[in-house]
Amino acid sequence: MVEELLTAAIATGVAAVVYVGAAARVVKQYERGLVFRFGRLREEVRGPGFTTIVPFVERLRKVNMQIVTLPVPAQEGITRDNVTVRVDAVVYFKVVDPASAIVAVEDYRFAVSQMAQTSLRSIIGKSDLDDLLSNREMLNQGLELMIDSPAVGWGVQIDRVEIKDVSLPETMKRSMARQAEADRERRARVINADAELQASHKLAEAAEVMSEQPAALQLRLLHTIVAVAAEKNSTLVLPFPVELLRFLERSAPPPAAGPAREKPAPAGPASEGPGRAEVADADGLDAEELEGAPVPDALGAPVDGLMLDAPSPEEEREGLRE
């Protein structure tokens, strides 16, 4: 009798241990437990700690309440200004309603991932390239609102969405590099021109001060010579003051005026030869003395008139026969 009671007690204890082992559950701090009894959700949500369920009747489903980091695969699209880009992002979300996250959607992680991909492609098509590169904060907020709207019914709260990287074609990268280089060159030229303007103002002020004291220019020249000689150069460049050239120019005597050239008398016609006034000037005679003198011809023989009579053709033939 005692043995039977002892055996029954041992069997009861073993059954109790097995039952407790099958019914005992531990929910961690970052988890929440949902109990399904015969497939039906119980309203009570089990908190963290030790809890029990009815074995073979109830089933406990644990839901992670931590913030989940979900990378969004890179999506390729065309921006509003017709530029092909490839953009990837990352989504941070967490479950705020365990019952809705388990019952309302089959797999809330996959659902959030697909919604993030479609929203990212939509954002790419609605934005310009400059917005994707420089105005990411506004795009992140728009993307967060697009994903958070349907995720509210899934018991999921979108904490943050970040566009991680924007990949551009090589041709676009080269174009942007040329644009940036041109902008840098423009800024450099503006800065250089501004520096030249300021330097000109300072030089004008310095010249005005030196003009009041002429010795200041000589001191400046000596200072320049000392600065050049300090480099131990074999060649010394000595500036020549412009004021000295002006002084020498003022002290030089004016050039003497040369004798006035006499105006030649007008010549007669080519057939007439030199006029009487020319002959008189050449021989030192008066023009009145040559009034009745014959005018010499080209061979030096005196002739009576100004024109010589040409021989007739008959006389020429007779002269040839002789």
C-alpha atoms as a PDB file:
ATOM      1  CA  MET A   1       0.000   0.000   0.000  1.00  0.00           C
ATOM      2  CA  VAL A   2       2.767   2.346   0.904  1.00  0.00           C
ATOM      3  CA  GLU A   3       4.620   1.491  -2.258  1.00  0.00           C
ATOM      4  CA  GLU A   4       1.578   2.242  -4.368  1.00  0.00           C
ATOM      5  CA  LEU A   5       1.112   5.610  -2.687  1.00  0.00           C
ATOM      6  CA  LEU A   6       4.788   6.383  -3.148  1.00  0.00           C
ATOM      7  CA  THR A   7       4.604   5.448  -6.821  1.00  0.00           C
ATOM      8  CA  ALA A   8       1.503   7.579  -7.334  1.00  0.00           C
ATOM      9  CA  ALA A   9       3.149  10.542  -5.630  1.00  0.00           C
ATOM     10  CA  ILE A  10       6.227  10.185  -7.790  1.00  0.00           C
ATOM     11  CA  ALA A  11       4.078   9.973 -10.910  1.00  0.00           C
ATOM     12  CA  THR A  12       2.093  13.026  -9.874  1.00  0.00           C
ATOM     13  CA  GLY A  13       5.266  14.974  -9.208  1.00  0.00           C
ATOM     14  CA  VAL A  14       6.720  14.018 -12.558  1.00  0.00           C
ATOM     15  CA  ALA A  15       3.488  15.005 -14.285  1.00  0.00           C
ATOM     16  CA  ALA A  16       3.475  18.320 -12.464  1.00  0.00           C
ATOM     17  CA  VAL A  17       7.073  19.000 -13.473  1.00  0.00           C
ATOM     18  CA  VAL A  18       6.291  18.141 -17.091  1.00  0.00           C
ATOM     19  CA  TYR A  19       3.210  20.337 -17.022  1.00  0.00           C
ATOM     20  CA  VAL A  20       5.069  23.265 -15.539  1.00  0.00           C
ATOM     21  CA  GLY A  21       7.859  22.804 -18.038  1.00  0.00           C
ATOM     22  CA  ALA A  22       5.386  22.812 -20.897  1.00  0.00           C
ATOM     23  CA  ALA A  23       3.398  25.775 -19.568  1.00  0.00           C
ATOM     24  CA  ALA A  24       6.232  28.027 -18.395  1.00  0.00           C
ATOM     25  CA  ARG A  25       7.366  30.866 -20.689  1.00  0.00           C
ATOM     26  CA  VAL A  26       9.820  33.754 -20.252  1.00  0.00           C
ATOM     27  CA  VAL A  27       9.226  37.055 -22.023  1.00  0.00           C
ATOM     28  CA  LYS A  28      12.278  39.337 -22.298  1.00  0.00           C
ATOM     29  CA  GLN A  29      12.292  43.021 -21.474  1.00  0.00           C
ATOM     30  CA  TYR A  30      12.235  44.175 -25.102  1.00  0.00           C
ATOM     31  CA  GLU A  31       9.486  41.715 -26.067  1.00  0.00           C
ATOM     32  CA  ARG A  32       5.747  41.386 -25.641  1.00  0.00           C
ATOM     33  CA  GLY A  33       3.797  38.136 -25.662  1.00  0.00           C
ATOM     34  CA  LEU A  34       0.540  37.398 -27.503  1.00  0.00           C
ATOM     35  CA  VAL A  35      -1.464  34.358 -26.414  1.00  0.00           C
ATOM     36  CA  PHE A  36      -3.545  32.401 -28.932  1.00  0.00           C
ATOM     37  CA  ARG A  37      -6.049  29.945 -27.477  1.00  0.00           C
ATOM     38  CA  PHE A  38      -7.223  27.502 -30.118  1.00  0.00           C
ATOM     39  CA  GLY A  39      -6.073  30.009 -32.721  1.00  0.00           C
ATOM     40  CA  ARG A  40      -7.925  32.925 -31.219  1.00  0.00           C
ATOM     41  CA  LEU A  41      -6.060  35.924 -29.885  1.00  0.00           C
ATOM     42  CA  ARG A  42      -6.519  36.686 -26.229  1.00  0.00           C
ATOM     43  CA  GLU A  43      -6.886  40.336 -25.372  1.00  0.00           C
ATOM     44  CA  GLU A  44      -4.281  40.200 -22.680  1.00  0.00           C
ATOM     45  CA  VAL A  45      -0.765  41.052 -23.786  1.00  0.00           C
ATOM     46  CA  ARG A  46       1.865  39.345 -21.667  1.00  0.00           C
ATOM     47  CA  GLY A  47       4.549  41.675 -20.380  1.00  0.00           C
ATOM     48  CA  PRO A  48       8.208  40.873 -19.752  1.00  0.00           C
ATOM     49  CA  GLY A  49       9.008  38.254 -17.134  1.00  0.00           C
ATOM     50  CA  PHE A  50       7.800  34.735 -16.257  1.00  0.00           C
ATOM     51  CA  THR A  51       4.376  33.648 -17.520  1.00  0.00           C
ATOM     52  CA  THR A  52       2.506  30.426 -18.114  1.00  0.00           C
ATOM     53  CA  ILE A  53       0.128  29.132 -20.726  1.00  0.00           C
ATOM     54  CA  VAL A  54      -2.084  26.080 -20.964  1.00  0.00           C
ATOM     55  CA  PRO A  55      -0.081  23.440 -22.792  1.00  0.00           C
ATOM     56  CA  PHE A  56      -1.560  22.101 -26.016  1.00  0.00           C
ATOM     57  CA  VAL A  57      -4.355  24.686 -25.711  1.00  0.00           C
ATOM     58  CA  GLU A  58      -2.615  28.016 -25.866  1.00  0.00           C
ATOM     59  CA  ARG A  59       0.356  29.247 -27.882  1.00  0.00           C
ATOM     60  CA  LEU A  60       2.543  32.214 -27.059  1.00  0.00           C
ATOM     61  CA  ARG A  61       3.851  34.512 -29.863  1.00  0.00           C
ATOM     62  CA  LYS A  62       6.635  36.921 -28.932  1.00  0.00           C
ATOM     63  CA  VAL A  63       6.966  40.276 -30.706  1.00  0.00           C
ATOM     64  CA  ASN A  64      10.172  42.331 -30.695  1.00  0.00           C
ATOM     65  CA  MET A  65       9.585  45.933 -29.657  1.00  0.00           C
ATOM     66  CA  GLN A  66      13.076  47.219 -30.479  1.00  0.00           C
ATOM     67  CA  ILE A  67      13.826  49.714 -33.252  1.00  0.00           C
ATOM     68  CA  VAL A  68      14.558  47.781 -36.418  1.00  0.00           C
ATOM     69  CA  THR A  69      17.126  49.008 -38.961  1.00  0.00           C
ATOM     70  CA  LEU A  70      15.921  47.968 -42.402  1.00  0.00           C
ATOM     71  CA  PRO A  71      18.154  48.725 -45.417  1.00  0.00           C
ATOM     72  CA  VAL A  72      16.249  49.545 -48.580  1.00  0.00           C
ATOM     73  CA  PRO A  73      17.765  48.026 -51.737  1.00  0.00           C
ATOM     74  CA  ALA A  74      19.100  50.529 -54.272  1.00  0.00           C
ATOM     75  CA  GLN A  75      16.405  51.758 -56.615  1.00  0.00           C
ATOM     76  CA  GLU A  76      17.167  53.071 -60.105  1.00  0.00           C
ATOM     77  CA  GLY A  77      14.942  55.774 -61.517  1.00  0.00           C
ATOM     78  CA  ILE A  78      14.750  58.931 -63.617  1.00  0.00           C
ATOM     79  CA  THR A  79      14.469  62.267 -61.882  1.00  0.00           C
ATOM     80  CA  ARG A  80      12.146  65.075 -62.917  1.00  0.00           C
ATOM     81  CA  ASP A  81      14.968  66.709 -64.914  1.00  0.00           C
ATOM     82  CA  ASN A  82      15.605  63.445 -66.852  1.00  0.00           C
ATOM     83  CA  VAL A  83      18.722  62.216 -65.066  1.00  0.00           C
ATOM     84  CA  THR A  84      19.162  58.516 -64.361  1.00  0.00           C
ATOM     85  CA  VAL A  85      20.181  57.922 -60.740  1.00  0.00           C
ATOM     86  CA  ARG A  86      20.483  55.010 -58.360  1.00  0.00           C
ATOM     87  CA  VAL A  87      19.422  55.704 -54.774  1.00  0.00           C
ATOM     88  CA  ASP A  88      19.446  53.528 -51.678  1.00  0.00           C
ATOM     89  CA  ALA A  89      18.094  54.345 -48.227  1.00  0.00           C
ATOM     90  CA  VAL A  90      17.618  52.972 -44.729  1.00  0.00           C
ATOM     91  CA  VAL A  91      14.432  52.849 -42.626  1.00  0.00           C
ATOM     92  CA  TYR A  92      14.242  52.881 -38.820  1.00  0.00           C
ATOM     93  CA  PHE A  93      10.931  51.624 -37.400  1.00  0.00           C
ATOM     94  CA  LYS A  94       9.498  49.855 -34.376  1.00  0.00           C
ATOM     95  CA  VAL A  95       6.339  47.970 -33.411  1.00  0.00           C
ATOM     96  CA  VAL A  96       3.950  49.927 -31.210  1.00  0.00           C
ATOM     97  CA  ASP A  97       0.933  47.566 -31.405  1.00  0.00           C
ATOM     98  CA  PRO A  98       1.951  43.890 -31.211  1.00  0.00           C
ATOM     99  CA  ALA A  99      -1.558  42.613 -31.953  1.00  0.00           C
ATOM    100  CA  SER A 100      -1.897  44.594 -35.182  1.00  0.00           C
ATOM    101  CA  ALA A 101       1.660  43.748 -36.259  1.00  0.00           C
ATOM    102  CA  ILE A 102       0.872  40.013 -35.976  1.00  0.00           C
ATOM    103  CA  VAL A 103      -2.779  39.909 -37.007  1.00  0.00           C
ATOM    104  CA  ALA A 104      -3.198  42.784 -39.488  1.00  0.00           C
ATOM    105  CA  VAL A 105      -0.251  41.911 -41.744  1.00  0.00           C
ATOM    106  CA  GLU A 106       1.424  38.630 -42.572  1.00  0.00           C
ATOM    107  CA  ASP A 107       5.035  39.858 -42.314  1.00  0.00           C
ATOM    108  CA  TYR A 108       5.403  43.440 -41.218  1.00  0.00           C
ATOM    109  CA  ARG A 109       9.138  43.549 -41.998  1.00  0.00           C
ATOM    110  CA  PHE A 110       8.584  42.529 -45.615  1.00  0.00           C
ATOM    111  CA  ALA A 111       5.629  44.895 -45.912  1.00  0.00           C
ATOM    112  CA  VAL A 112       7.671  47.854 -44.642  1.00  0.00           C
ATOM    113  CA  SER A 113      10.528  46.957 -46.997  1.00  0.00           C
ATOM    114  CA  GLN A 114       8.296  46.852 -50.071  1.00  0.00           C
ATOM    115  CA  MET A 115       6.547  50.071 -49.115  1.00  0.00           C
ATOM    116  CA  ALA A 116       9.935  51.788 -48.638  1.00  0.00           C
ATOM    117  CA  GLN A 117      11.098  50.680 -52.099  1.00  0.00           C
ATOM    118  CA  THR A 118       7.986  51.942 -53.881  1.00  0.00           C
ATOM    119  CA  SER A 119       8.026  55.219 -51.949  1.00  0.00           C
ATOM    120  CA  LEU A 120      11.705  55.728 -52.775  1.00  0.00           C
ATOM    121  CA  ARG A 121      11.053  55.266 -56.501  1.00  0.00           C
ATOM    122  CA  SER A 122       8.169  57.722 -56.261  1.00  0.00           C
ATOM    123  CA  ILE A 123      10.366  60.286 -54.522  1.00  0.00           C
ATOM    124  CA  ILE A 124      13.034  59.908 -57.224  1.00  0.00           C
ATOM    125  CA  GLY A 125      10.514  60.616 -59.984  1.00  0.00           C
ATOM    126  CA  LYS A 126       9.142  63.715 -58.230  1.00  0.00           C
ATOM    127  CA  SER A 127      12.487  65.317 -57.350  1.00  0.00           C
ATOM    128  CA  ASP A 128      15.244  67.080 -59.233  1.00  0.00           C
ATOM    129  CA  LEU A 129      18.856  66.009 -59.148  1.00  0.00           C
ATOM    130  CA  ASP A 130      19.867  69.059 -57.119  1.00  0.00           C
ATOM    131  CA  ASP A 131      17.262  68.180 -54.484  1.00  0.00           C
ATOM    132  CA  LEU A 132      18.594  64.634 -54.197  1.00  0.00           C
ATOM    133  CA  LEU A 133      22.114  65.932 -53.698  1.00  0.00           C
ATOM    134  CA  SER A 134      21.610  68.974 -51.487  1.00  0.00           C
ATOM    135  CA  ASN A 135      18.059  69.017 -50.065  1.00  0.00           C
ATOM    136  CA  ARG A 136      17.904  65.559 -48.537  1.00  0.00           C
ATOM    137  CA  GLU A 137      16.233  66.602 -45.297  1.00  0.00           C
ATOM    138  CA  MET A 138      13.023  67.548 -47.060  1.00  0.00           C
ATOM    139  CA  LEU A 139      13.116  64.357 -49.125  1.00  0.00           C
ATOM    140  CA  ASN A 140      13.651  62.275 -45.993  1.00  0.00           C
ATOM    141  CA  GLN A 141      10.608  63.831 -44.366  1.00  0.00           C
ATOM    142  CA  GLY A 142       8.478  63.234 -47.455  1.00  0.00           C
ATOM    143  CA  LEU A 143       9.649  59.647 -47.679  1.00  0.00           C
ATOM    144  CA  GLU A 144       8.895  59.106 -44.002  1.00  0.00           C
ATOM    145  CA  LEU A 145       5.341  60.367 -44.417  1.00  0.00           C
ATOM    146  CA  MET A 146       4.759  58.149 -47.463  1.00  0.00           C
ATOM    147  CA  ILE A 147       5.858  55.022 -45.580  1.00  0.00           C
ATOM    148  CA  ASP A 148       4.259  55.908 -42.248  1.00  0.00           C
ATOM    149  CA  SER A 149       0.740  56.397 -43.644  1.00  0.00           C
ATOM    150  CA  PRO A 150       0.003  52.708 -44.414  1.00  0.00           C
ATOM    151  CA  ALA A 151       2.274  51.441 -41.638  1.00  0.00           C
ATOM    152  CA  VAL A 152       0.021  52.925 -38.950  1.00  0.00           C
ATOM    153  CA  GLY A 153      -2.594  50.226 -39.621  1.00  0.00           C
ATOM    154  CA  TRP A 154       0.076  47.562 -39.257  1.00  0.00           C
ATOM    155  CA  GLY A 155       0.974  48.579 -35.718  1.00  0.00           C
ATOM    156  CA  VAL A 156       4.346  49.890 -36.919  1.00  0.00           C
ATOM    157  CA  GLN A 157       5.735  53.361 -36.339  1.00  0.00           C
ATOM    158  CA  ILE A 158       8.351  54.751 -38.735  1.00  0.00           C
ATOM    159  CA  ASP A 159      10.985  56.439 -36.614  1.00  0.00           C
ATOM    160  CA  ARG A 160      13.270  57.827 -39.340  1.00  0.00           C
ATOM    161  CA  VAL A 161      14.106  57.415 -43.032  1.00  0.00           C
ATOM    162  CA  GLU A 162      17.479  58.390 -44.478  1.00  0.00           C
ATOM    163  CA  ILE A 163      18.640  58.496 -48.112  1.00  0.00           C
ATOM    164  CA  LYS A 164      22.013  56.849 -47.837  1.00  0.00           C
ATOM    165  CA  ASP A 165      23.669  57.207 -51.234  1.00  0.00           C
ATOM    166  CA  VAL A 166      22.966  58.650 -54.686  1.00  0.00           C
ATOM    167  CA  SER A 167      24.875  57.100 -57.589  1.00  0.00           C
ATOM    168  CA  LEU A 168      25.236  59.140 -60.786  1.00  0.00           C
ATOM    169  CA  PRO A 169      26.382  58.128 -64.287  1.00  0.00           C
ATOM    170  CA  GLU A 170      29.997  58.858 -65.196  1.00  0.00           C
ATOM    171  CA  THR A 171      29.008  61.413 -67.841  1.00  0.00           C
ATOM    172  CA  MET A 172      26.961  63.327 -65.295  1.00  0.00           C
ATOM    173  CA  LYS A 173      29.835  63.232 -62.816  1.00  0.00           C
ATOM    174  CA  ARG A 174      32.193  64.723 -65.405  1.00  0.00           C
ATOM    175  CA  SER A 175      29.663  67.440 -66.278  1.00  0.00           C
ATOM    176  CA  MET A 176      29.192  68.341 -62.627  1.00  0.00           C
ATOM    177  CA  ALA A 177      32.963  68.376 -62.137  1.00  0.00           C
ATOM    178  CA  ARG A 178      33.373  70.809 -65.047  1.00  0.00           C
ATOM    179  CA  GLN A 179      30.592  72.992 -63.653  1.00  0.00           C
ATOM    180  CA  ALA A 180      32.195  73.053 -60.219  1.00  0.00           C
ATOM    181  CA  GLU A 181      35.598  73.821 -61.755  1.00  0.00           C
ATOM    182  CA  ALA A 182      34.153  76.712 -63.764  1.00  0.00           C
ATOM    183  CA  ASP A 183      32.441  78.094 -60.676  1.00  0.00           C
ATOM    184  CA  ARG A 184      35.675  77.851 -58.687  1.00  0.00           C
ATOM    185  CA  GLU A 185      37.574  79.612 -61.464  1.00  0.00           C
ATOM    186  CA  ARG A 186      34.959  82.371 -61.601  1.00  0.00           C
ATOM    187  CA  ARG A 187      35.224  82.918 -57.854  1.00  0.00           C
ATOM    188  CA  ALA A 188      39.014  82.938 -58.077  1.00  0.00           C
ATOM    189  CA  ARG A 189      38.937  85.589 -60.791  1.00  0.00           C
ATOM    190  CA  VAL A 190      36.517  87.738 -58.810  1.00  0.00           C
ATOM    191  CA  ILE A 191      38.707  87.469 -55.709  1.00  0.00           C
ATOM    192  CA  ASN A 192      41.817  88.272 -57.745  1.00  0.00           C
ATOM    193  CA  ALA A 193      40.141  91.300 -59.315  1.00  0.00           C
ATOM    194  CA  ASP A 194      39.004  92.489 -55.896  1.00  0.00           C
ATOM    195  CA  ALA A 195      42.550  92.109 -54.600  1.00  0.00           C
ATOM    196  CA  GLU A 196      43.921  94.093 -57.544  1.00  0.00           C
ATOM    197  CA  LEU A 197      41.375  96.858 -56.866  1.00  0.00           C
ATOM    198  CA  GLN A 198      42.312  97.057 -53.204  1.00  0.00           C
ATOM    199  CA  ALA A 199      46.010  97.000 -54.081  1.00  0.00           C
ATOM    200  CA  SER A 200      45.517  99.839 -56.569  1.00  0.00           C
ATOM    201  CA  HIS A 201      43.831 101.940 -53.893  1.00  0.00           C
ATOM    202  CA  LYS A 202      46.686 101.303 -51.479  1.00  0.00           C
ATOM    203  CA  LEU A 203      49.294 102.055 -54.151  1.00  0.00           C
ATOM    204  CA  ALA A 204      47.506 105.295 -54.996  1.00  0.00           C
ATOM    205  CA  GLU A 205      47.557 106.303 -51.344  1.00  0.00           C
ATOM    206  CA  ALA A 206      51.249 105.403 -51.099  1.00  0.00           C
ATOM    207  CA  ALA A 207      52.044 107.408 -54.234  1.00  0.00           C
ATOM    208  CA  GLU A 208      50.174 110.391 -52.833  1.00  0.00           C
ATOM    209  CA  VAL A 209      52.179 110.216 -49.607  1.00  0.00           C
ATOM    210  CA  MET A 210      55.488 109.840 -51.493  1.00  0.00           C
ATOM    211  CA  SER A 211      54.649 112.771 -53.742  1.00  0.00           C
ATOM    212  CA  GLU A 212      54.554 115.037 -50.695  1.00  0.00           C
ATOM    213  CA  GLN A 213      58.089 113.957 -49.712  1.00  0.00           C
ATOM    214  CA  PRO A 214      60.306 113.248 -52.782  1.00  0.00           C
ATOM    215  CA  ALA A 215      62.984 111.734 -50.536  1.00  0.00           C
ATOM    216  CA  ALA A 216      60.588 108.897 -49.685  1.00  0.00           C
ATOM    217  CA  LEU A 217      60.889 107.538 -53.219  1.00  0.00           C
ATOM    218  CA  GLN A 218      64.679 107.461 -52.929  1.00  0.00           C
ATOM    219  CA  LEU A 219      64.435 105.674 -49.579  1.00  0.00           C
ATOM    220  CA  ARG A 220      62.073 103.167 -51.110  1.00  0.00           C
ATOM    221  CA  LEU A 221      64.538 102.585 -53.930  1.00  0.00           C
ATOM    222  CA  LEU A 222      67.367 101.994 -51.463  1.00  0.00           C
ATOM    223  CA  HIS A 223      65.168  99.588 -49.501  1.00  0.00           C
ATOM    224  CA  THR A 224      64.453  97.631 -52.702  1.00  0.00           C
ATOM    225  CA  ILE A 225      68.189  97.433 -53.450  1.00  0.00           C
ATOM    226  CA  VAL A 226      68.883  96.104 -49.956  1.00  0.00           C
ATOM    227  CA  ALA A 227      66.098  93.489 -50.311  1.00  0.00           C
ATOM    228  CA  VAL A 228      67.487  92.292 -53.647  1.00  0.00           C
ATOM    229  CA  ALA A 229      71.087  92.224 -52.400  1.00  0.00           C
ATOM    230  CA  ALA A 230      70.088  90.086 -49.405  1.00  0.00           C
ATOM    231  CA  GLU A 231      69.402  87.129 -51.716  1.00  0.00           C
ATOM    232  CA  LYS A 232      73.119  86.933 -52.659  1.00  0.00           C
ATOM    233  CA  ASN A 233      72.419  87.254 -56.355  1.00  0.00           C
ATOM    234  CA  SER A 234      75.199  87.860 -58.863  1.00  0.00           C
ATOM    235  CA  THR A 235      72.978  90.192 -60.881  1.00  0.00           C
ATOM    236  CA  LEU A 236      71.565  93.343 -59.330  1.00  0.00           C
ATOM    237  CA  VAL A 237      68.540  94.928 -60.974  1.00  0.00           C
ATOM    238  CA  LEU A 238      68.617  98.667 -60.295  1.00  0.00           C
ATOM    239  CA  PRO A 239      65.391 100.518 -61.106  1.00  0.00           C
ATOM    240  CA  PHE A 240      65.889 103.816 -62.863  1.00  0.00           C
ATOM    241  CA  PRO A 241      63.642 106.583 -61.502  1.00  0.00           C
ATOM    242  CA  VAL A 242      61.312 108.095 -64.044  1.00  0.00           C
ATOM    243  CA  GLU A 243      61.699 111.511 -62.356  1.00  0.00           C
ATOM    244  CA  LEU A 244      65.375 111.545 -63.330  1.00  0.00           C
ATOM    245  CA  LEU A 245      64.492 111.011 -66.977  1.00  0.00           C
ATOM    246  CA  ARG A 246      62.023 113.869 -66.825  1.00  0.00           C
ATOM    247  CA  PHE A 247      64.670 116.110 -65.182  1.00  0.00           C
ATOM    248  CA  LEU A 248      67.191 115.313 -67.924  1.00  0.00           C
ATOM    249  CA  GLU A 249      64.556 115.941 -70.565  1.00  0.00           C
ATOM    250  CA  ARG A 250      63.776 119.371 -69.103  1.00  0.00           C
ATOM    251  CA  SER A 251      67.474 120.291 -68.767  1.00  0.00           C
ATOM    252  CA  ALA A 252      68.412 119.331 -72.360  1.00  0.00           C
ATOM    253  CA  PRO A 253      68.803 122.402 -74.761  1.00  0.00           C
ATOM    254  CA  PRO A 254      66.245 122.732 -77.563  1.00  0.00           C
ATOM    255  CA  PRO A 255      67.498 121.732 -81.037  1.00  0.00           C
ATOM    256  CA  ALA A 256      68.829 124.640 -83.262  1.00  0.00           C
ATOM    257  CA  ALA A 257      66.664 125.701 -86.196  1.00  0.00           C
ATOM    258  CA  GLY A 258      68.278 124.944 -89.635  1.00  0.00           C
ATOM    259  CA  PRO A 259      68.526 127.457 -92.611  1.00  0.00           C
ATOM    260  CA  ALA A 260      65.370 127.917 -94.560  1.00  0.00           C
ATOM    261  CA  ARG A 261      65.422 126.278 -97.928  1.00  0.00           C
ATOM    262  CA  GLU A 262      64.860 128.541-100.916  1.00  0.00           C
ATOM    263  CA  LYS A 263      61.852 127.847-102.980  1.00  0.00           C
ATOM    264  CA  PRO A 264      62.902 126.897-106.522  1.00  0.00           C
ATOM    265  CA  ALA A 265      61.514 128.905-109.373  1.00  0.00           C
ATOM    266  CA  PRO A 266      58.875 127.221-111.442  1.00  0.00           C
ATOM    267  CA  ALA A 267      60.339 125.443-114.416  1.00  0.00           C
ATOM    268  CA  GLY A 268      59.092 125.986-117.919  1.00  0.00           C
ATOM    269  CA  PRO A 269      57.712 123.329-120.175  1.00  0.00           C
ATOM    270  CA  ALA A 270      59.847 120.293-120.865  1.00  0.00           C
ATOM    271  CA  SER A 271      60.256 121.189-124.524  1.00  0.00           C
ATOM    272  CA  GLU A 272      61.401 124.731-123.750  1.00  0.00           C
ATOM    273  CA  GLY A 273      64.257 123.772-121.430  1.00  0.00           C
ATOM    274  CA  PRO A 274      65.360 125.973-118.518  1.00  0.00           C
ATOM    275  CA  GLY A 275      63.899 129.476-118.359  1.00  0.00           C
ATOM    276  CA  ARG A 276      65.813 132.669-118.456  1.00  0.00           C
ATOM    277  CA  ALA A 277      65.513 133.198-114.709  1.00  0.00           C
ATOM    278  CA  GLU A 278      67.099 129.791-114.081  1.00  0.00           C
ATOM    279  CA  VAL A 279      69.956 130.456-116.463  1.00  0.00           C
ATOM    280  CA  ALA A 280      70.533 133.843-114.882  1.00  0.00           C
ATOM    281  CA  ASP A 281      70.617 132.338-111.403  1.00  0.00           C
ATOM    282  CA  ALA A 282      73.033 129.604-112.517  1.00  0.00           C
ATOM    283  CA  ASP A 283      75.496 132.013-114.267  1.00  0.00           C
ATOM    284  CA  GLY A 284      75.154 134.848-111.764  1.00  0.00           C
ATOM    285  CA  LEU A 285      73.760 137.200-114.437  1.00  0.00           C
ATOM    286  CA  ASP A 286      70.792 139.430-114.413  1.00  0.00           C
ATOM    287  CA  ALA A 287      67.678 138.315-116.188  1.00  0.00           C
ATOM    288  CA  GLU A 288      67.542 141.613-118.094  1.00  0.00           C
ATOM    289  CA  GLU A 289      71.011 140.987-119.654  1.00  0.00           C
ATOM    290  CA  LEU A 290      69.757 137.710-121.054  1.00  0.00           C
ATOM    291  CA  GLU A 291      66.676 139.322-122.548  1.00  0.00           C
ATOM    292  CA  GLY A 292      68.034 139.345-126.106  1.00  0.00           C
ATOM    293  CA  ALA A 293      70.494 136.453-125.825  1.00  0.00           C
ATOM    294  CA  PRO A 294      69.750 133.214-127.664  1.00  0.00           C
ATOM    295  CA  VAL A 295      68.737 130.207-125.622  1.00  0.00           C
ATOM    296  CA  PRO A 296      71.180 127.284-125.935  1.00  0.00           C
ATOM    297  CA  ASP A 297      69.916 123.950-127.105  1.00  0.00           C
ATOM    298  CA  ALA A 298      70.632 120.590-125.574  1.00  0.00           C
ATOM    299  CA  LEU A 299      74.075 120.357-127.350  1.00  0.00           C
ATOM    300  CA  GLY A 300      75.199 123.815-126.259  1.00  0.00           C
ATOM    301  CA  ALA A 301      74.725 125.508-129.694  1.00  0.00           C
ATOM    302  CA  PRO A 302      72.902 128.842-129.660  1.00  0.00           C
ATOM    303  CA  VAL A 303      69.643 129.011-131.543  1.00  0.00           C
ATOM    304  CA  ASP A 304      67.574 131.998-132.554  1.00  0.00           C
ATOM    305  CA  GLY A 305      64.215 130.777-131.368  1.00  0.00           C
ATOM    306  CA  LEU A 306      62.802 128.665-128.695  1.00  0.00           C
ATOM    307  CA  MET A 307      61.814 125.865-131.111  1.00  0.00           C
ATOM    308  CA  LEU A 308      64.091 124.170-133.677  1.00  0.00           C
ATOM    309  CA  ASP A 309      62.844 123.353-137.167  1.00  0.00           C
ATOM    310  CA  ALA A 310      62.979 119.641-137.813  1.00  0.00           C
ATOM    311  CA  PRO A 311      64.662 118.568-141.175  1.00  0.00           C
ATOM    312  CA  SER A 312      62.415 117.394-143.992  1.00  0.00           C
ATOM    313  CA  PRO A 313      62.421 113.745-145.109  1.00  0.00           C
ATOM    314  CA  GLU A 314      64.178 114.596-148.422  1.00  0.00           C
ATOM    315  CA  GLU A 315      67.062 116.236-146.611  1.00  0.00           C
ATOM    316  CA  GLU A 316      67.366 113.198-144.392  1.00  0.00           C
ATOM    317  CA  ARG A 317      67.600 110.854-147.401  1.00  0.00           C
ATOM    318  CA  GLU A 318      70.301 113.056-149.027  1.00  0.00           C
ATOM    319  CA  GLY A 319      72.249 113.041-145.822  1.00  0.00           C
ATOM    320  CA  LEU A 320      72.129 109.269-145.760  1.00  0.00           C
ATOM    321  CA  ARG A 321      73.393 108.978-149.325  1.00  0.00           C
ATOM    322  CA  GLU A 322      76.375 111.223-148.508  1.00  0.00           C
END
